[in-house]
Amino acid sequence: MRFGVVVVGPPGAGKTTACRGFQQFFAAVRRPCAVINLDPANDALPYQPDVNISELITLEDVMNEFDLGPNGGLIYCMEYLEKNLEWLKDRMGPLGDKFLIIDCPGQVELYTNYTSVKKTLEWLERQGNRLCVVHMVDAHLCTDPSKYVAALMLSLKTMIQLELPHLNVLSKIDLLPSY
């Protein structure tokens, strides 16, 4: 049985940076971990992923081939991954029982309105992985009541949709005084 975190949140919330931080922490405490990049739009990773969706599909290729915008392209990519879970299984096989750090795309509709990510995470759970969602929320949203309530509603909708243990994390807290 493997354990892991699924890092989700809106664009720019710090998902990839958090994944890199998790990876650095696990290295510091000498605990084996594996980073899985499920963001087909992220081509500038600050870490070396153990599994990278870009080997299967990229947002740029989908947008060019099907004349889709970034939102439609990301939906297509996640649906394509859902239809190709054997590819993911093959890539995850050599990871053994390493702790999983799963970096996800920043399009929130993937977690709130569409089921491909949910079905992929359910499949991962059926494969013997115990996952917890880490929902990154930009701390500057706490400076305005309406933005804060909107962030809470987004977190709640994500929690309800994904049906996994859920942890909200305020990111970029060090920048809060500048807001």
N, C-alpha and C. Protein backbone atom coordinates (compact mmCIF):
# COMPACT_ATOMS: atom_id res chain seq x y z
N MET A 1 0.85 -1.18 0.00
CA MET A 1 0.00 0.00 0.00
C MET A 1 0.89 1.24 0.00
N ARG A 2 0.54 2.16 -0.89
CA ARG A 2 1.26 3.44 -0.95
C ARG A 2 0.37 4.54 -0.42
N PHE A 3 1.00 5.60 0.06
CA PHE A 3 0.30 6.79 0.50
C PHE A 3 0.76 7.96 -0.35
N GLY A 4 -0.07 9.01 -0.43
CA GLY A 4 0.34 10.15 -1.21
C GLY A 4 -0.58 11.34 -1.07
N VAL A 5 -0.11 12.44 -1.64
CA VAL A 5 -0.89 13.67 -1.68
C VAL A 5 -1.17 14.03 -3.13
N VAL A 6 -2.35 14.60 -3.34
CA VAL A 6 -2.76 15.09 -4.65
C VAL A 6 -2.87 16.60 -4.50
N VAL A 7 -1.97 17.34 -5.14
CA VAL A 7 -1.90 18.78 -4.96
C VAL A 7 -2.72 19.47 -6.04
N VAL A 8 -3.81 20.14 -5.62
CA VAL A 8 -4.72 20.81 -6.54
C VAL A 8 -4.85 22.28 -6.13
N GLY A 9 -5.49 23.05 -7.00
CA GLY A 9 -5.75 24.46 -6.69
C GLY A 9 -5.77 25.27 -7.97
N PRO A 10 -6.15 26.53 -7.84
CA PRO A 10 -6.23 27.39 -9.02
C PRO A 10 -4.84 27.72 -9.58
N PRO A 11 -4.80 28.25 -10.81
CA PRO A 11 -3.51 28.62 -11.40
C PRO A 11 -2.76 29.62 -10.53
N GLY A 12 -1.47 29.40 -10.41
CA GLY A 12 -0.63 30.34 -9.67
C GLY A 12 -0.69 30.21 -8.17
N ALA A 13 -1.38 29.21 -7.65
CA ALA A 13 -1.51 29.05 -6.20
C ALA A 13 -0.27 28.44 -5.56
N GLY A 14 0.63 27.91 -6.37
CA GLY A 14 1.86 27.34 -5.81
C GLY A 14 1.88 25.82 -5.75
N LYS A 15 1.09 25.16 -6.60
CA LYS A 15 1.02 23.70 -6.58
C LYS A 15 2.38 23.06 -6.89
N THR A 16 2.98 23.48 -7.99
CA THR A 16 4.26 22.89 -8.40
C THR A 16 5.35 23.22 -7.40
N THR A 17 5.36 24.42 -6.87
CA THR A 17 6.34 24.80 -5.85
C THR A 17 6.14 23.95 -4.60
N ALA A 18 4.90 23.70 -4.22
CA ALA A 18 4.63 22.85 -3.06
C ALA A 18 5.13 21.42 -3.31
N CYS A 19 4.92 20.92 -4.51
CA CYS A 19 5.40 19.57 -4.84
C CYS A 19 6.91 19.50 -4.74
N ARG A 20 7.59 20.52 -5.23
CA ARG A 20 9.05 20.58 -5.10
C ARG A 20 9.45 20.64 -3.62
N GLY A 21 8.72 21.40 -2.82
CA GLY A 21 8.99 21.46 -1.39
C GLY A 21 8.78 20.12 -0.70
N PHE A 22 7.71 19.42 -1.05
CA PHE A 22 7.48 18.07 -0.51
C PHE A 22 8.66 17.17 -0.86
N GLN A 23 9.08 17.23 -2.13
CA GLN A 23 10.18 16.38 -2.59
C GLN A 23 11.46 16.70 -1.81
N GLN A 24 11.76 17.97 -1.59
CA GLN A 24 12.96 18.36 -0.84
C GLN A 24 12.88 17.89 0.61
N PHE A 25 11.68 18.02 1.20
CA PHE A 25 11.50 17.57 2.59
C PHE A 25 11.74 16.07 2.71
N PHE A 26 11.13 15.30 1.81
CA PHE A 26 11.30 13.85 1.87
C PHE A 26 12.76 13.46 1.68
N ALA A 27 13.48 14.16 0.81
CA ALA A 27 14.90 13.88 0.62
C ALA A 27 15.67 14.19 1.91
N ALA A 28 15.32 15.30 2.57
CA ALA A 28 16.02 15.70 3.80
C ALA A 28 15.83 14.69 4.93
N VAL A 29 14.65 14.07 4.99
CA VAL A 29 14.39 13.09 6.05
C VAL A 29 14.65 11.66 5.57
N ARG A 30 15.22 11.56 4.38
CA ARG A 30 15.59 10.26 3.79
C ARG A 30 14.41 9.31 3.66
N ARG A 31 13.32 9.85 3.22
CA ARG A 31 12.12 9.03 2.97
C ARG A 31 11.89 8.99 1.47
N PRO A 32 11.78 7.82 0.89
CA PRO A 32 11.61 7.74 -0.57
C PRO A 32 10.25 8.29 -1.01
N CYS A 33 10.28 9.07 -2.06
CA CYS A 33 9.04 9.62 -2.62
C CYS A 33 9.14 9.63 -4.14
N ALA A 34 8.00 9.76 -4.77
CA ALA A 34 7.94 9.84 -6.23
C ALA A 34 7.01 10.98 -6.59
N VAL A 35 7.46 11.85 -7.49
CA VAL A 35 6.64 12.96 -7.96
C VAL A 35 6.02 12.58 -9.30
N ILE A 36 4.71 12.74 -9.38
CA ILE A 36 3.96 12.42 -10.59
C ILE A 36 3.37 13.72 -11.12
N ASN A 37 3.82 14.14 -12.29
CA ASN A 37 3.29 15.35 -12.90
C ASN A 37 2.11 14.99 -13.79
N LEU A 38 0.91 15.43 -13.39
CA LEU A 38 -0.29 15.22 -14.20
C LEU A 38 -0.75 16.51 -14.86
N ASP A 39 0.13 17.50 -14.94
CA ASP A 39 -0.20 18.77 -15.59
C ASP A 39 0.41 18.80 -16.98
N PRO A 40 -0.38 18.56 -18.02
CA PRO A 40 0.16 18.51 -19.38
C PRO A 40 0.56 19.88 -19.91
N ALA A 41 0.26 20.95 -19.18
CA ALA A 41 0.62 22.30 -19.60
C ALA A 41 1.92 22.77 -18.97
N ASN A 42 2.41 22.07 -17.96
CA ASN A 42 3.59 22.52 -17.22
C ASN A 42 4.84 21.93 -17.86
N ASP A 43 5.53 22.75 -18.63
CA ASP A 43 6.75 22.28 -19.29
C ASP A 43 8.01 22.86 -18.66
N ALA A 44 7.88 23.55 -17.54
CA ALA A 44 9.03 24.12 -16.83
C ALA A 44 9.01 23.65 -15.39
N LEU A 45 9.21 22.37 -15.19
CA LEU A 45 9.13 21.80 -13.85
C LEU A 45 10.41 22.06 -13.07
N PRO A 46 10.30 22.47 -11.79
CA PRO A 46 11.49 22.69 -10.96
C PRO A 46 11.98 21.38 -10.32
N TYR A 47 11.40 20.27 -10.69
CA TYR A 47 11.78 18.96 -10.17
C TYR A 47 11.83 17.98 -11.34
N GLN A 48 12.48 16.86 -11.10
CA GLN A 48 12.52 15.78 -12.08
C GLN A 48 11.41 14.79 -11.73
N PRO A 49 10.33 14.74 -12.53
CA PRO A 49 9.23 13.84 -12.17
C PRO A 49 9.59 12.37 -12.42
N ASP A 50 9.05 11.51 -11.59
CA ASP A 50 9.20 10.07 -11.79
C ASP A 50 8.24 9.58 -12.86
N VAL A 51 7.10 10.25 -12.94
CA VAL A 51 6.11 9.98 -13.99
C VAL A 51 5.68 11.34 -14.51
N ASN A 52 5.64 11.48 -15.84
CA ASN A 52 5.31 12.76 -16.44
C ASN A 52 4.28 12.57 -17.54
N ILE A 53 3.09 13.17 -17.36
CA ILE A 53 2.02 13.04 -18.35
C ILE A 53 2.46 13.54 -19.73
N SER A 54 3.46 14.40 -19.77
CA SER A 54 3.94 14.93 -21.05
C SER A 54 4.50 13.84 -21.95
N GLU A 55 4.85 12.69 -21.39
CA GLU A 55 5.27 11.56 -22.21
C GLU A 55 4.07 10.94 -22.94
N LEU A 56 2.88 11.17 -22.40
CA LEU A 56 1.65 10.63 -23.00
C LEU A 56 0.96 11.67 -23.87
N ILE A 57 0.83 12.88 -23.34
CA ILE A 57 0.09 13.93 -24.04
C ILE A 57 0.51 15.29 -23.50
N THR A 58 0.50 16.30 -24.37
CA THR A 58 0.80 17.66 -23.92
C THR A 58 -0.33 18.59 -24.35
N LEU A 59 -0.53 19.63 -23.57
CA LEU A 59 -1.56 20.60 -23.89
C LEU A 59 -1.29 21.26 -25.24
N GLU A 60 -0.05 21.61 -25.49
CA GLU A 60 0.30 22.28 -26.75
C GLU A 60 -0.07 21.42 -27.95
N ASP A 61 0.24 20.12 -27.90
CA ASP A 61 -0.12 19.23 -29.01
C ASP A 61 -1.62 19.15 -29.21
N VAL A 62 -2.37 19.06 -28.13
CA VAL A 62 -3.83 18.97 -28.21
C VAL A 62 -4.41 20.25 -28.79
N MET A 63 -3.92 21.39 -28.32
CA MET A 63 -4.43 22.67 -28.83
C MET A 63 -4.16 22.81 -30.32
N ASN A 64 -2.98 22.40 -30.77
CA ASN A 64 -2.64 22.51 -32.19
C ASN A 64 -3.42 21.51 -33.04
N GLU A 65 -3.53 20.28 -32.56
CA GLU A 65 -4.18 19.24 -33.35
C GLU A 65 -5.69 19.41 -33.45
N PHE A 66 -6.32 19.83 -32.37
CA PHE A 66 -7.78 19.89 -32.34
C PHE A 66 -8.33 21.31 -32.34
N ASP A 67 -7.45 22.30 -32.45
CA ASP A 67 -7.85 23.70 -32.48
C ASP A 67 -8.68 24.07 -31.24
N LEU A 68 -8.18 23.66 -30.08
CA LEU A 68 -8.84 23.94 -28.81
C LEU A 68 -8.08 25.03 -28.07
N GLY A 69 -8.78 25.73 -27.20
CA GLY A 69 -8.15 26.68 -26.30
C GLY A 69 -7.55 25.93 -25.12
N PRO A 70 -6.92 26.65 -24.19
CA PRO A 70 -6.28 25.99 -23.06
C PRO A 70 -7.26 25.23 -22.15
N ASN A 71 -8.44 25.79 -21.92
CA ASN A 71 -9.39 25.11 -21.03
C ASN A 71 -9.90 23.81 -21.65
N GLY A 72 -10.35 23.89 -22.90
CA GLY A 72 -10.82 22.69 -23.59
C GLY A 72 -9.71 21.68 -23.76
N GLY A 73 -8.50 22.18 -24.01
CA GLY A 73 -7.36 21.29 -24.17
C GLY A 73 -7.04 20.53 -22.89
N LEU A 74 -7.09 21.21 -21.74
CA LEU A 74 -6.84 20.52 -20.47
C LEU A 74 -7.90 19.47 -20.17
N ILE A 75 -9.14 19.80 -20.47
CA ILE A 75 -10.21 18.81 -20.27
C ILE A 75 -9.94 17.59 -21.14
N TYR A 76 -9.58 17.83 -22.40
CA TYR A 76 -9.27 16.72 -23.31
C TYR A 76 -8.12 15.88 -22.76
N CYS A 77 -7.05 16.53 -22.30
CA CYS A 77 -5.89 15.81 -21.78
C CYS A 77 -6.26 14.93 -20.59
N MET A 78 -7.08 15.45 -19.67
CA MET A 78 -7.45 14.66 -18.49
C MET A 78 -8.37 13.50 -18.89
N GLU A 79 -9.25 13.72 -19.85
CA GLU A 79 -10.09 12.63 -20.34
C GLU A 79 -9.24 11.58 -21.06
N TYR A 80 -8.21 12.02 -21.77
CA TYR A 80 -7.31 11.11 -22.46
C TYR A 80 -6.54 10.26 -21.44
N LEU A 81 -6.07 10.89 -20.37
CA LEU A 81 -5.40 10.15 -19.31
C LEU A 81 -6.34 9.11 -18.71
N GLU A 82 -7.58 9.52 -18.46
CA GLU A 82 -8.56 8.59 -17.89
C GLU A 82 -8.75 7.36 -18.78
N LYS A 83 -8.69 7.55 -20.09
CA LYS A 83 -8.85 6.44 -21.04
C LYS A 83 -7.57 5.63 -21.19
N ASN A 84 -6.46 6.13 -20.66
CA ASN A 84 -5.16 5.46 -20.80
C ASN A 84 -4.53 5.18 -19.44
N LEU A 85 -5.32 4.67 -18.52
CA LEU A 85 -4.80 4.41 -17.17
C LEU A 85 -3.76 3.30 -17.15
N GLU A 86 -3.78 2.43 -18.15
CA GLU A 86 -2.75 1.39 -18.22
C GLU A 86 -1.36 2.02 -18.39
N TRP A 87 -1.31 3.13 -19.15
CA TRP A 87 -0.05 3.85 -19.30
C TRP A 87 0.45 4.31 -17.93
N LEU A 88 -0.46 4.87 -17.14
CA LEU A 88 -0.11 5.34 -15.79
C LEU A 88 0.31 4.16 -14.91
N LYS A 89 -0.42 3.08 -15.00
CA LYS A 89 -0.09 1.89 -14.21
C LYS A 89 1.31 1.38 -14.54
N ASP A 90 1.64 1.34 -15.83
CA ASP A 90 2.97 0.89 -16.25
C ASP A 90 4.06 1.79 -15.70
N ARG A 91 3.83 3.10 -15.69
CA ARG A 91 4.84 4.05 -15.21
C ARG A 91 4.97 4.02 -13.69
N MET A 92 3.87 3.71 -13.01
CA MET A 92 3.90 3.71 -11.54
C MET A 92 4.41 2.39 -10.96
N GLY A 93 4.39 1.34 -11.75
CA GLY A 93 4.83 0.04 -11.28
C GLY A 93 6.20 0.05 -10.61
N PRO A 94 7.21 0.62 -11.25
CA PRO A 94 8.56 0.62 -10.65
C PRO A 94 8.72 1.49 -9.41
N LEU A 95 7.70 2.27 -9.06
CA LEU A 95 7.83 3.19 -7.92
C LEU A 95 7.78 2.47 -6.58
N GLY A 96 7.36 1.23 -6.57
CA GLY A 96 7.29 0.49 -5.32
C GLY A 96 6.34 1.14 -4.34
N ASP A 97 6.78 1.24 -3.07
CA ASP A 97 5.91 1.81 -2.05
C ASP A 97 6.32 3.23 -1.68
N LYS A 98 6.95 3.94 -2.60
CA LYS A 98 7.33 5.33 -2.34
C LYS A 98 6.10 6.19 -2.09
N PHE A 99 6.26 7.20 -1.26
CA PHE A 99 5.20 8.18 -1.02
C PHE A 99 4.97 8.95 -2.32
N LEU A 100 3.71 9.11 -2.72
CA LEU A 100 3.38 9.77 -3.98
C LEU A 100 3.08 11.25 -3.77
N ILE A 101 3.64 12.07 -4.63
CA ILE A 101 3.35 13.51 -4.67
C ILE A 101 2.81 13.78 -6.07
N ILE A 102 1.52 14.06 -6.18
CA ILE A 102 0.88 14.19 -7.48
C ILE A 102 0.57 15.66 -7.75
N ASP A 103 1.23 16.20 -8.76
CA ASP A 103 1.09 17.60 -9.17
C ASP A 103 0.02 17.68 -10.26
N CYS A 104 -1.05 18.42 -10.00
CA CYS A 104 -2.19 18.48 -10.90
C CYS A 104 -2.30 19.83 -11.61
N PRO A 105 -3.06 19.87 -12.70
CA PRO A 105 -3.25 21.14 -13.43
C PRO A 105 -4.00 22.17 -12.59
N GLY A 106 -3.93 23.43 -13.01
CA GLY A 106 -4.55 24.52 -12.28
C GLY A 106 -5.95 24.90 -12.73
N GLN A 107 -6.54 24.15 -13.61
CA GLN A 107 -7.89 24.48 -14.06
C GLN A 107 -8.88 23.90 -13.05
N VAL A 108 -9.50 24.76 -12.24
CA VAL A 108 -10.33 24.28 -11.14
C VAL A 108 -11.57 23.52 -11.61
N GLU A 109 -12.04 23.78 -12.82
CA GLU A 109 -13.21 23.06 -13.32
C GLU A 109 -12.95 21.56 -13.41
N LEU A 110 -11.69 21.18 -13.54
CA LEU A 110 -11.34 19.76 -13.60
C LEU A 110 -11.70 19.05 -12.30
N TYR A 111 -11.73 19.79 -11.20
CA TYR A 111 -12.02 19.19 -9.89
C TYR A 111 -13.44 19.47 -9.43
N THR A 112 -14.09 20.45 -10.04
CA THR A 112 -15.41 20.85 -9.57
C THR A 112 -16.54 20.46 -10.52
N ASN A 113 -16.28 20.39 -11.82
CA ASN A 113 -17.36 20.20 -12.79
C ASN A 113 -17.21 18.95 -13.65
N TYR A 114 -16.01 18.43 -13.81
CA TYR A 114 -15.77 17.29 -14.69
C TYR A 114 -15.33 16.10 -13.86
N THR A 115 -15.51 14.90 -14.40
CA THR A 115 -15.27 13.70 -13.60
C THR A 115 -13.98 12.97 -13.95
N SER A 116 -13.25 13.37 -14.96
CA SER A 116 -12.07 12.60 -15.37
C SER A 116 -11.01 12.54 -14.27
N VAL A 117 -10.73 13.64 -13.59
CA VAL A 117 -9.75 13.62 -12.50
C VAL A 117 -10.27 12.76 -11.35
N LYS A 118 -11.54 12.92 -11.03
CA LYS A 118 -12.13 12.12 -9.95
C LYS A 118 -12.02 10.63 -10.26
N LYS A 119 -12.35 10.25 -11.48
CA LYS A 119 -12.28 8.83 -11.86
C LYS A 119 -10.84 8.32 -11.86
N THR A 120 -9.90 9.15 -12.26
CA THR A 120 -8.49 8.76 -12.22
C THR A 120 -8.04 8.55 -10.78
N LEU A 121 -8.44 9.45 -9.88
CA LEU A 121 -8.07 9.31 -8.46
C LEU A 121 -8.76 8.10 -7.85
N GLU A 122 -10.00 7.83 -8.21
CA GLU A 122 -10.68 6.63 -7.72
C GLU A 122 -9.94 5.37 -8.18
N TRP A 123 -9.48 5.38 -9.43
CA TRP A 123 -8.72 4.25 -9.97
C TRP A 123 -7.42 4.08 -9.17
N LEU A 124 -6.74 5.19 -8.89
CA LEU A 124 -5.51 5.11 -8.11
C LEU A 124 -5.77 4.51 -6.73
N GLU A 125 -6.88 4.88 -6.12
CA GLU A 125 -7.24 4.32 -4.81
C GLU A 125 -7.50 2.81 -4.93
N ARG A 126 -8.18 2.40 -5.99
CA ARG A 126 -8.44 0.96 -6.18
C ARG A 126 -7.14 0.18 -6.41
N GLN A 127 -6.09 0.84 -6.86
CA GLN A 127 -4.80 0.20 -7.06
C GLN A 127 -4.01 0.07 -5.76
N GLY A 128 -4.60 0.48 -4.64
CA GLY A 128 -3.94 0.33 -3.34
C GLY A 128 -3.24 1.58 -2.85
N ASN A 129 -3.55 2.72 -3.43
CA ASN A 129 -2.96 3.99 -2.98
C ASN A 129 -3.94 4.70 -2.06
N ARG A 130 -3.46 5.22 -0.96
CA ARG A 130 -4.28 6.00 -0.04
C ARG A 130 -3.88 7.46 -0.21
N LEU A 131 -4.83 8.26 -0.69
CA LEU A 131 -4.52 9.63 -1.09
C LEU A 131 -5.24 10.66 -0.24
N CYS A 132 -4.62 11.82 -0.13
CA CYS A 132 -5.20 12.98 0.53
C CYS A 132 -5.02 14.17 -0.41
N VAL A 133 -6.06 14.95 -0.60
CA VAL A 133 -5.99 16.14 -1.44
C VAL A 133 -5.43 17.29 -0.63
N VAL A 134 -4.44 17.97 -1.18
CA VAL A 134 -3.92 19.20 -0.60
C VAL A 134 -4.35 20.32 -1.55
N HIS A 135 -5.29 21.13 -1.09
CA HIS A 135 -5.85 22.20 -1.92
C HIS A 135 -5.14 23.50 -1.59
N MET A 136 -4.35 23.98 -2.54
CA MET A 136 -3.59 25.22 -2.35
C MET A 136 -4.50 26.42 -2.60
N VAL A 137 -4.48 27.37 -1.66
CA VAL A 137 -5.28 28.59 -1.78
C VAL A 137 -4.34 29.77 -1.55
N ASP A 138 -4.29 30.68 -2.49
CA ASP A 138 -3.43 31.85 -2.39
C ASP A 138 -3.88 32.71 -1.21
N ALA A 139 -2.97 33.00 -0.30
CA ALA A 139 -3.31 33.72 0.93
C ALA A 139 -3.89 35.10 0.69
N HIS A 140 -3.56 35.73 -0.43
CA HIS A 140 -4.09 37.08 -0.66
C HIS A 140 -5.61 37.08 -0.75
N LEU A 141 -6.21 35.92 -0.98
CA LEU A 141 -7.67 35.84 -1.02
C LEU A 141 -8.29 36.09 0.35
N CYS A 142 -7.50 35.97 1.39
CA CYS A 142 -8.00 36.20 2.74
C CYS A 142 -8.10 37.69 3.08
N THR A 143 -7.59 38.55 2.22
CA THR A 143 -7.60 39.98 2.51
C THR A 143 -8.91 40.65 2.12
N ASP A 144 -9.74 39.96 1.38
CA ASP A 144 -11.02 40.51 0.94
C ASP A 144 -12.12 39.50 1.27
N PRO A 145 -13.14 39.91 2.01
CA PRO A 145 -14.17 38.95 2.44
C PRO A 145 -14.83 38.18 1.30
N SER A 146 -15.16 38.85 0.21
CA SER A 146 -15.83 38.14 -0.88
C SER A 146 -14.90 37.14 -1.56
N LYS A 147 -13.63 37.48 -1.70
CA LYS A 147 -12.66 36.54 -2.29
C LYS A 147 -12.44 35.35 -1.36
N TYR A 148 -12.43 35.64 -0.06
CA TYR A 148 -12.25 34.57 0.92
C TYR A 148 -13.41 33.58 0.87
N VAL A 149 -14.62 34.09 0.82
CA VAL A 149 -15.80 33.21 0.75
C VAL A 149 -15.77 32.42 -0.56
N ALA A 150 -15.38 33.06 -1.66
CA ALA A 150 -15.29 32.35 -2.94
C ALA A 150 -14.26 31.22 -2.86
N ALA A 151 -13.12 31.48 -2.22
CA ALA A 151 -12.10 30.45 -2.06
C ALA A 151 -12.61 29.29 -1.21
N LEU A 152 -13.35 29.61 -0.15
CA LEU A 152 -13.94 28.56 0.69
C LEU A 152 -14.94 27.71 -0.09
N MET A 153 -15.75 28.37 -0.91
CA MET A 153 -16.74 27.64 -1.71
C MET A 153 -16.05 26.73 -2.73
N LEU A 154 -14.98 27.23 -3.34
CA LEU A 154 -14.22 26.42 -4.30
C LEU A 154 -13.61 25.21 -3.60
N SER A 155 -13.06 25.42 -2.42
CA SER A 155 -12.49 24.31 -1.66
C SER A 155 -13.56 23.29 -1.29
N LEU A 156 -14.71 23.76 -0.87
CA LEU A 156 -15.80 22.86 -0.50
C LEU A 156 -16.28 22.07 -1.70
N LYS A 157 -16.47 22.72 -2.83
CA LYS A 157 -16.92 22.04 -4.05
C LYS A 157 -15.90 20.99 -4.48
N THR A 158 -14.62 21.31 -4.38
CA THR A 158 -13.57 20.35 -4.73
C THR A 158 -13.61 19.16 -3.79
N MET A 159 -13.79 19.42 -2.49
CA MET A 159 -13.85 18.36 -1.50
C MET A 159 -15.03 17.42 -1.77
N ILE A 160 -16.18 18.00 -2.07
CA ILE A 160 -17.38 17.20 -2.35
C ILE A 160 -17.20 16.38 -3.62
N GLN A 161 -16.64 16.99 -4.65
CA GLN A 161 -16.49 16.32 -5.94
C GLN A 161 -15.47 15.18 -5.88
N LEU A 162 -14.32 15.40 -5.27
CA LEU A 162 -13.26 14.39 -5.29
C LEU A 162 -13.45 13.29 -4.25
N GLU A 163 -14.20 13.56 -3.19
CA GLU A 163 -14.52 12.56 -2.17
C GLU A 163 -13.28 11.89 -1.58
N LEU A 164 -12.28 12.70 -1.28
CA LEU A 164 -11.07 12.22 -0.62
C LEU A 164 -10.80 13.09 0.59
N PRO A 165 -10.02 12.60 1.56
CA PRO A 165 -9.59 13.48 2.65
C PRO A 165 -8.98 14.74 2.05
N HIS A 166 -9.21 15.87 2.68
CA HIS A 166 -8.93 17.16 2.05
C HIS A 166 -8.29 18.10 3.06
N LEU A 167 -7.22 18.74 2.64
CA LEU A 167 -6.52 19.69 3.49
C LEU A 167 -6.33 20.98 2.71
N ASN A 168 -6.83 22.09 3.24
CA ASN A 168 -6.62 23.39 2.61
C ASN A 168 -5.33 24.00 3.14
N VAL A 169 -4.52 24.52 2.24
CA VAL A 169 -3.25 25.13 2.62
C VAL A 169 -3.20 26.54 2.04
N LEU A 170 -2.96 27.52 2.90
CA LEU A 170 -2.77 28.89 2.43
C LEU A 170 -1.34 29.03 1.92
N SER A 171 -1.20 29.36 0.65
CA SER A 171 0.13 29.52 0.07
C SER A 171 0.50 31.00 -0.01
N LYS A 172 1.77 31.24 -0.19
CA LYS A 172 2.30 32.60 -0.35
C LYS A 172 1.98 33.49 0.85
N ILE A 173 1.94 32.89 2.02
CA ILE A 173 1.61 33.62 3.24
C ILE A 173 2.67 34.71 3.52
N ASP A 174 3.88 34.48 3.04
CA ASP A 174 4.95 35.47 3.23
C ASP A 174 4.68 36.77 2.46
N LEU A 175 3.83 36.71 1.44
CA LEU A 175 3.51 37.90 0.65
C LEU A 175 2.30 38.64 1.19
N LEU A 176 1.64 38.12 2.21
CA LEU A 176 0.42 38.70 2.73
C LEU A 176 0.56 40.18 3.13
N PRO A 177 1.64 40.59 3.77
CA PRO A 177 1.75 42.02 4.13
C PRO A 177 1.73 42.97 2.93
N SER A 178 2.08 42.49 1.75
CA SER A 178 2.10 43.37 0.58
C SER A 178 0.71 43.58 -0.01
N TYR A 179 -0.28 42.87 0.49
CA TYR A 179 -1.65 43.04 0.01
C TYR A 179 -2.35 44.00 0.92
